[in-house]
């Protein structure tokens, strides 16, 4: 079982923290990819953004070893 993080009596699951971190990283990556013109090559940008978020969340989860 994965332990929660106690913040003054509020129990926060580690996956929530990783999801917020992945959301921030995907925002930075989207901004950078848009700046270099990468989205001109992408067929469906919102679908690509979702896939980018899922890949980042999976990578962060795998790196931290939270879901075993």
PDB file of N, CA and C in Angstrom:
ATOM      1  N   UNK A   1       0.832  -1.180   0.000  1.00  0.00           N
ATOM      2  CA  UNK A   1       0.000   0.000   0.000  1.00  0.00           C
ATOM      3  C   UNK A   1       0.883   1.253   0.000  1.00  0.00           C
ATOM      4  N   UNK A   2       0.457   2.234  -0.718  1.00  0.00           N
ATOM      5  CA  UNK A   2       1.203   3.482  -0.820  1.00  0.00           C
ATOM      6  C   UNK A   2       0.783   4.383   0.333  1.00  0.00           C
ATOM      7  N   UNK A   3       1.749   4.918   1.044  1.00  0.00           N
ATOM      8  CA  UNK A   3       1.432   5.805   2.149  1.00  0.00           C
ATOM      9  C   UNK A   3       1.113   7.204   1.672  1.00  0.00           C
ATOM     10  N   UNK A   4       0.192   7.829   2.371  1.00  0.00           N
ATOM     11  CA  UNK A   4      -0.154   9.201   2.045  1.00  0.00           C
ATOM     12  C   UNK A   4       0.805  10.160   2.737  1.00  0.00           C
ATOM     13  N   UNK A   5       0.828  11.375   2.250  1.00  0.00           N
ATOM     14  CA  UNK A   5       1.665  12.416   2.834  1.00  0.00           C
ATOM     15  C   UNK A   5       0.767  13.271   3.708  1.00  0.00           C
ATOM     16  N   UNK A   6       1.131  13.405   4.962  1.00  0.00           N
ATOM     17  CA  UNK A   6       0.329  14.154   5.925  1.00  0.00           C
ATOM     18  C   UNK A   6       0.780  15.613   5.941  1.00  0.00           C
ATOM     19  N   UNK A   7      -0.143  16.506   5.577  1.00  0.00           N
ATOM     20  CA  UNK A   7       0.128  17.939   5.600  1.00  0.00           C
ATOM     21  C   UNK A   7      -0.881  18.565   6.565  1.00  0.00           C
ATOM     22  N   UNK A   8      -0.485  18.706   7.821  1.00  0.00           N
ATOM     23  CA  UNK A   8      -1.326  19.294   8.858  1.00  0.00           C
ATOM     24  C   UNK A   8      -2.692  18.626   8.938  1.00  0.00           C
ATOM     25  N   UNK A   9      -2.713  17.309   8.910  1.00  0.00           N
ATOM     26  CA  UNK A   9      -3.954  16.569   9.033  1.00  0.00           C
ATOM     27  C   UNK A   9      -4.656  16.287   7.719  1.00  0.00           C
ATOM     28  N   UNK A  10      -4.172  16.825   6.637  1.00  0.00           N
ATOM     29  CA  UNK A  10      -4.740  16.567   5.320  1.00  0.00           C
ATOM     30  C   UNK A  10      -3.859  15.533   4.634  1.00  0.00           C
ATOM     31  N   UNK A  11      -4.444  14.375   4.347  1.00  0.00           N
ATOM     32  CA  UNK A  11      -3.686  13.295   3.734  1.00  0.00           C
ATOM     33  C   UNK A  11      -3.752  13.426   2.212  1.00  0.00           C
ATOM     34  N   UNK A  12      -2.576  13.584   1.594  1.00  0.00           N
ATOM     35  CA  UNK A  12      -2.470  13.791   0.157  1.00  0.00           C
ATOM     36  C   UNK A  12      -1.797  12.565  -0.455  1.00  0.00           C
ATOM     37  N   UNK A  13      -2.447  11.954  -1.456  1.00  0.00           N
ATOM     38  CA  UNK A  13      -1.805  10.806  -2.105  1.00  0.00           C
ATOM     39  C   UNK A  13      -0.618  11.261  -2.957  1.00  0.00           C
ATOM     40  N   UNK A  14       0.457  10.482  -2.969  1.00  0.00           N
ATOM     41  CA  UNK A  14       1.636  10.864  -3.761  1.00  0.00           C
ATOM     42  C   UNK A  14       1.343  10.993  -5.250  1.00  0.00           C
ATOM     43  N   UNK A  15       0.384  10.222  -5.755  1.00  0.00           N
ATOM     44  CA  UNK A  15       0.048  10.310  -7.168  1.00  0.00           C
ATOM     45  C   UNK A  15      -0.528  11.681  -7.516  1.00  0.00           C
ATOM     46  N   UNK A  16      -1.237  12.305  -6.588  1.00  0.00           N
ATOM     47  CA  UNK A  16      -1.761  13.648  -6.826  1.00  0.00           C
ATOM     48  C   UNK A  16      -0.622  14.652  -6.986  1.00  0.00           C
ATOM     49  N   UNK A  17       0.386  14.525  -6.162  1.00  0.00           N
ATOM     50  CA  UNK A  17       1.542  15.417  -6.257  1.00  0.00           C
ATOM     51  C   UNK A  17       2.265  15.206  -7.588  1.00  0.00           C
ATOM     52  N   UNK A  18       2.406  13.929  -7.986  1.00  0.00           N
ATOM     53  CA  UNK A  18       3.046  13.643  -9.267  1.00  0.00           C
ATOM     54  C   UNK A  18       2.204  14.147 -10.431  1.00  0.00           C
ATOM     55  N   UNK A  19       0.874  14.077 -10.314  1.00  0.00           N
ATOM     56  CA  UNK A  19      -0.003  14.557 -11.384  1.00  0.00           C
ATOM     57  C   UNK A  19       0.126  16.071 -11.552  1.00  0.00           C
ATOM     58  N   UNK A  20       0.216  16.793 -10.443  1.00  0.00           N
ATOM     59  CA  UNK A  20       0.385  18.248 -10.525  1.00  0.00           C
ATOM     60  C   UNK A  20       1.749  18.593 -11.112  1.00  0.00           C
ATOM     61  N   UNK A  21       2.770  17.850 -10.725  1.00  0.00           N
ATOM     62  CA  UNK A  21       4.104  18.074 -11.271  1.00  0.00           C
ATOM     63  C   UNK A  21       4.147  17.775 -12.773  1.00  0.00           C
ATOM     64  N   UNK A  22       3.495  16.687 -13.192  1.00  0.00           N
ATOM     65  CA  UNK A  22       3.441  16.351 -14.616  1.00  0.00           C
ATOM     66  C   UNK A  22       2.658  17.405 -15.393  1.00  0.00           C
ATOM     67  N   UNK A  23       1.619  17.970 -14.790  1.00  0.00           N
ATOM     68  CA  UNK A  23       0.844  19.018 -15.451  1.00  0.00           C
ATOM     69  C   UNK A  23       1.709  20.258 -15.689  1.00  0.00           C
ATOM     70  N   UNK A  24       2.492  20.634 -14.677  1.00  0.00           N
ATOM     71  CA  UNK A  24       3.385  21.783 -14.829  1.00  0.00           C
ATOM     72  C   UNK A  24       4.465  21.546 -15.875  1.00  0.00           C
ATOM     73  N   UNK A  25       5.057  20.355 -15.852  1.00  0.00           N
ATOM     74  CA  UNK A  25       6.087  20.031 -16.844  1.00  0.00           C
ATOM     75  C   UNK A  25       5.524  19.988 -18.255  1.00  0.00           C
ATOM     76  N   UNK A  26       4.319  19.434 -18.388  1.00  0.00           N
ATOM     77  CA  UNK A  26       3.727  19.390 -19.730  1.00  0.00           C
ATOM     78  C   UNK A  26       3.399  20.799 -20.227  1.00  0.00           C
ATOM     79  N   UNK A  27       3.028  21.686 -19.322  1.00  0.00           N
ATOM     80  CA  UNK A  27       2.788  23.071 -19.719  1.00  0.00           C
ATOM     81  C   UNK A  27       4.046  23.738 -20.235  1.00  0.00           C
ATOM     82  N   UNK A  28       5.153  23.504 -19.555  1.00  0.00           N
ATOM     83  CA  UNK A  28       6.430  24.060 -20.018  1.00  0.00           C
ATOM     84  C   UNK A  28       6.852  23.460 -21.359  1.00  0.00           C
ATOM     85  N   UNK A  29       6.683  22.146 -21.497  1.00  0.00           N
ATOM     86  CA  UNK A  29       7.053  21.504 -22.757  1.00  0.00           C
ATOM     87  C   UNK A  29       6.161  21.962 -23.906  1.00  0.00           C
ATOM     88  N   UNK A  30       4.857  22.121 -23.647  1.00  0.00           N
ATOM     89  CA  UNK A  30       3.956  22.602 -24.695  1.00  0.00           C
ATOM     90  C   UNK A  30       4.341  24.000 -25.153  1.00  0.00           C
ATOM     91  N   UNK A  31       4.688  24.848 -24.202  1.00  0.00           N
ATOM     92  CA  UNK A  31       5.095  26.210 -24.547  1.00  0.00           C
ATOM     93  C   UNK A  31       6.377  26.194 -25.393  1.00  0.00           C
ATOM     94  N   UNK A  32       7.323  25.354 -25.018  1.00  0.00           N
ATOM     95  CA  UNK A  32       8.560  25.246 -25.786  1.00  0.00           C
ATOM     96  C   UNK A  32       8.338  24.658 -27.170  1.00  0.00           C
ATOM     97  N   UNK A  33       7.493  23.627 -27.252  1.00  0.00           N
ATOM     98  CA  UNK A  33       7.213  23.025 -28.555  1.00  0.00           C
ATOM     99  C   UNK A  33       6.461  23.988 -29.463  1.00  0.00           C
ATOM    100  N   UNK A  34       5.574  24.784 -28.871  1.00  0.00           N
ATOM    101  CA  UNK A  34       4.849  25.781 -29.665  1.00  0.00           C
ATOM    102  C   UNK A  34       5.800  26.870 -30.169  1.00  0.00           C
ATOM    103  N   UNK A  35       6.794  27.222 -29.355  1.00  0.00           N
ATOM    104  CA  UNK A  35       7.742  28.278 -29.727  1.00  0.00           C
ATOM    105  C   UNK A  35       8.623  27.860 -30.908  1.00  0.00           C
ATOM    106  N   UNK A  36       8.960  26.576 -30.979  1.00  0.00           N
ATOM    107  CA  UNK A  36       9.816  26.123 -32.072  1.00  0.00           C
ATOM    108  C   UNK A  36       9.017  25.679 -33.293  1.00  0.00           C
ATOM    109  N   UNK A  37       7.689  25.750 -33.240  1.00  0.00           N
ATOM    110  CA  UNK A  37       6.858  25.407 -34.387  1.00  0.00           C
ATOM    111  C   UNK A  37       6.582  23.929 -34.560  1.00  0.00           C
ATOM    112  N   UNK A  38       6.704  23.157 -33.492  1.00  0.00           N
ATOM    113  CA  UNK A  38       6.485  21.709 -33.571  1.00  0.00           C
ATOM    114  C   UNK A  38       5.031  21.360 -33.870  1.00  0.00           C
ATOM    115  N   UNK A  39       4.101  22.170 -33.416  1.00  0.00           N
ATOM    116  CA  UNK A  39       2.684  21.859 -33.580  1.00  0.00           C
ATOM    117  C   UNK A  39       2.223  21.964 -35.033  1.00  0.00           C
ATOM    118  N   UNK A  40       3.034  22.478 -35.914  1.00  0.00           N
ATOM    119  CA  UNK A  40       2.724  22.450 -37.329  1.00  0.00           C
ATOM    120  C   UNK A  40       2.787  21.041 -37.903  1.00  0.00           C
ATOM    121  N   UNK A  41       3.514  20.152 -37.235  1.00  0.00           N
ATOM    122  CA  UNK A  41       3.667  18.769 -37.678  1.00  0.00           C
ATOM    123  C   UNK A  41       2.693  17.827 -36.988  1.00  0.00           C
ATOM    124  N   UNK A  42       1.965  18.314 -35.989  1.00  0.00           N
ATOM    125  CA  UNK A  42       1.080  17.461 -35.200  1.00  0.00           C
ATOM    126  C   UNK A  42      -0.315  17.484 -35.798  1.00  0.00           C
ATOM    127  N   UNK A  43      -0.912  16.295 -35.949  1.00  0.00           N
ATOM    128  CA  UNK A  43      -2.230  16.187 -36.561  1.00  0.00           C
ATOM    129  C   UNK A  43      -3.329  16.755 -35.666  1.00  0.00           C
ATOM    130  N   UNK A  44      -3.305  16.410 -34.374  1.00  0.00           N
ATOM    131  CA  UNK A  44      -4.369  16.820 -33.454  1.00  0.00           C
ATOM    132  C   UNK A  44      -3.709  17.313 -32.158  1.00  0.00           C
ATOM    133  N   UNK A  45      -3.445  18.613 -32.044  1.00  0.00           N
ATOM    134  CA  UNK A  45      -2.705  19.120 -30.888  1.00  0.00           C
ATOM    135  C   UNK A  45      -3.299  18.777 -29.511  1.00  0.00           C
ATOM    136  N   UNK A  46      -4.622  18.857 -29.291  1.00  0.00           N
ATOM    137  CA  UNK A  46      -5.118  18.479 -27.952  1.00  0.00           C
ATOM    138  C   UNK A  46      -4.864  17.012 -27.616  1.00  0.00           C
ATOM    139  N   UNK A  47      -4.968  16.138 -28.604  1.00  0.00           N
ATOM    140  CA  UNK A  47      -4.692  14.729 -28.364  1.00  0.00           C
ATOM    141  C   UNK A  47      -3.206  14.517 -28.074  1.00  0.00           C
ATOM    142  N   UNK A  48      -2.353  15.243 -28.765  1.00  0.00           N
ATOM    143  CA  UNK A  48      -0.923  15.172 -28.499  1.00  0.00           C
ATOM    144  C   UNK A  48      -0.611  15.686 -27.089  1.00  0.00           C
ATOM    145  N   UNK A  49      -1.284  16.764 -26.677  1.00  0.00           N
ATOM    146  CA  UNK A  49      -1.073  17.299 -25.332  1.00  0.00           C
ATOM    147  C   UNK A  49      -1.469  16.298 -24.254  1.00  0.00           C
ATOM    148  N   UNK A  50      -2.581  15.600 -24.468  1.00  0.00           N
ATOM    149  CA  UNK A  50      -3.013  14.581 -23.516  1.00  0.00           C
ATOM    150  C   UNK A  50      -1.998  13.443 -23.451  1.00  0.00           C
ATOM    151  N   UNK A  51      -1.529  13.005 -24.618  1.00  0.00           N
ATOM    152  CA  UNK A  51      -0.540  11.927 -24.651  1.00  0.00           C
ATOM    153  C   UNK A  51       0.761  12.352 -23.980  1.00  0.00           C
ATOM    154  N   UNK A  52       1.164  13.594 -24.186  1.00  0.00           N
ATOM    155  CA  UNK A  52       2.367  14.113 -23.548  1.00  0.00           C
ATOM    156  C   UNK A  52       2.218  14.101 -22.028  1.00  0.00           C
ATOM    157  N   UNK A  53       1.053  14.506 -21.532  1.00  0.00           N
ATOM    158  CA  UNK A  53       0.793  14.497 -20.086  1.00  0.00           C
ATOM    159  C   UNK A  53       0.837  13.078 -19.531  1.00  0.00           C
ATOM    160  N   UNK A  54       0.207  12.140 -20.219  1.00  0.00           N
ATOM    161  CA  UNK A  54       0.173  10.754 -19.744  1.00  0.00           C
ATOM    162  C   UNK A  54       1.574  10.152 -19.727  1.00  0.00           C
ATOM    163  N   UNK A  55       2.360  10.437 -20.753  1.00  0.00           N
ATOM    164  CA  UNK A  55       3.736   9.925 -20.795  1.00  0.00           C
ATOM    165  C   UNK A  55       4.569  10.526 -19.663  1.00  0.00           C
ATOM    166  N   UNK A  56       4.420  11.820 -19.422  1.00  0.00           N
ATOM    167  CA  UNK A  56       5.167  12.451 -18.332  1.00  0.00           C
ATOM    168  C   UNK A  56       4.738  11.908 -16.969  1.00  0.00           C
ATOM    169  N   UNK A  57       3.440  11.720 -16.767  1.00  0.00           N
ATOM    170  CA  UNK A  57       2.963  11.174 -15.498  1.00  0.00           C
ATOM    171  C   UNK A  57       3.471   9.750 -15.307  1.00  0.00           C
ATOM    172  N   UNK A  58       3.456   8.956 -16.357  1.00  0.00           N
ATOM    173  CA  UNK A  58       3.986   7.598 -16.265  1.00  0.00           C
ATOM    174  C   UNK A  58       5.478   7.579 -15.975  1.00  0.00           C
ATOM    175  N   UNK A  59       6.213   8.486 -16.611  1.00  0.00           N
ATOM    176  CA  UNK A  59       7.659   8.547 -16.389  1.00  0.00           C
ATOM    177  C   UNK A  59       7.981   8.986 -14.960  1.00  0.00           C
ATOM    178  N   UNK A  60       7.265   9.987 -14.469  1.00  0.00           N
ATOM    179  CA  UNK A  60       7.495  10.434 -13.089  1.00  0.00           C
ATOM    180  C   UNK A  60       7.145   9.344 -12.087  1.00  0.00           C
ATOM    181  N   UNK A  61       6.061   8.629 -12.355  1.00  0.00           N
ATOM    182  CA  UNK A  61       5.657   7.546 -11.468  1.00  0.00           C
ATOM    183  C   UNK A  61       6.694   6.431 -11.479  1.00  0.00           C
ATOM    184  N   UNK A  62       7.199   6.101 -12.656  1.00  0.00           N
ATOM    185  CA  UNK A  62       8.214   5.058 -12.750  1.00  0.00           C
ATOM    186  C   UNK A  62       9.530   5.477 -12.084  1.00  0.00           C
ATOM    187  N   UNK A  63       9.887   6.761 -12.241  1.00  0.00           N
ATOM    188  CA  UNK A  63      11.133   7.229 -11.637  1.00  0.00           C
ATOM    189  C   UNK A  63      11.074   7.257 -10.122  1.00  0.00           C
ATOM    190  N   UNK A  64       9.928   7.602  -9.574  1.00  0.00           N
ATOM    191  CA  UNK A  64       9.816   7.654  -8.122  1.00  0.00           C
ATOM    192  C   UNK A  64       9.459   6.310  -7.515  1.00  0.00           C
ATOM    193  N   UNK A  65       8.965   5.388  -8.326  1.00  0.00           N
ATOM    194  CA  UNK A  65       8.621   4.053  -7.825  1.00  0.00           C
ATOM    195  C   UNK A  65       7.405   4.061  -6.921  1.00  0.00           C
ATOM    196  N   UNK A  66       6.435   4.936  -7.159  1.00  0.00           N
ATOM    197  CA  UNK A  66       5.276   5.033  -6.285  1.00  0.00           C
ATOM    198  C   UNK A  66       4.281   3.901  -6.496  1.00  0.00           C
ATOM    199  N   UNK A  67       4.065   3.486  -7.717  1.00  0.00           N
ATOM    200  CA  UNK A  67       3.114   2.406  -7.988  1.00  0.00           C
ATOM    201  C   UNK A  67       3.878   1.134  -8.271  1.00  0.00           C
ATOM    202  N   UNK A  68       3.879   0.223  -7.331  1.00  0.00           N
ATOM    203  CA  UNK A  68       4.633  -1.024  -7.493  1.00  0.00           C
ATOM    204  C   UNK A  68       3.715  -2.162  -7.786  1.00  0.00           C
TER     205      UNK A  68
END
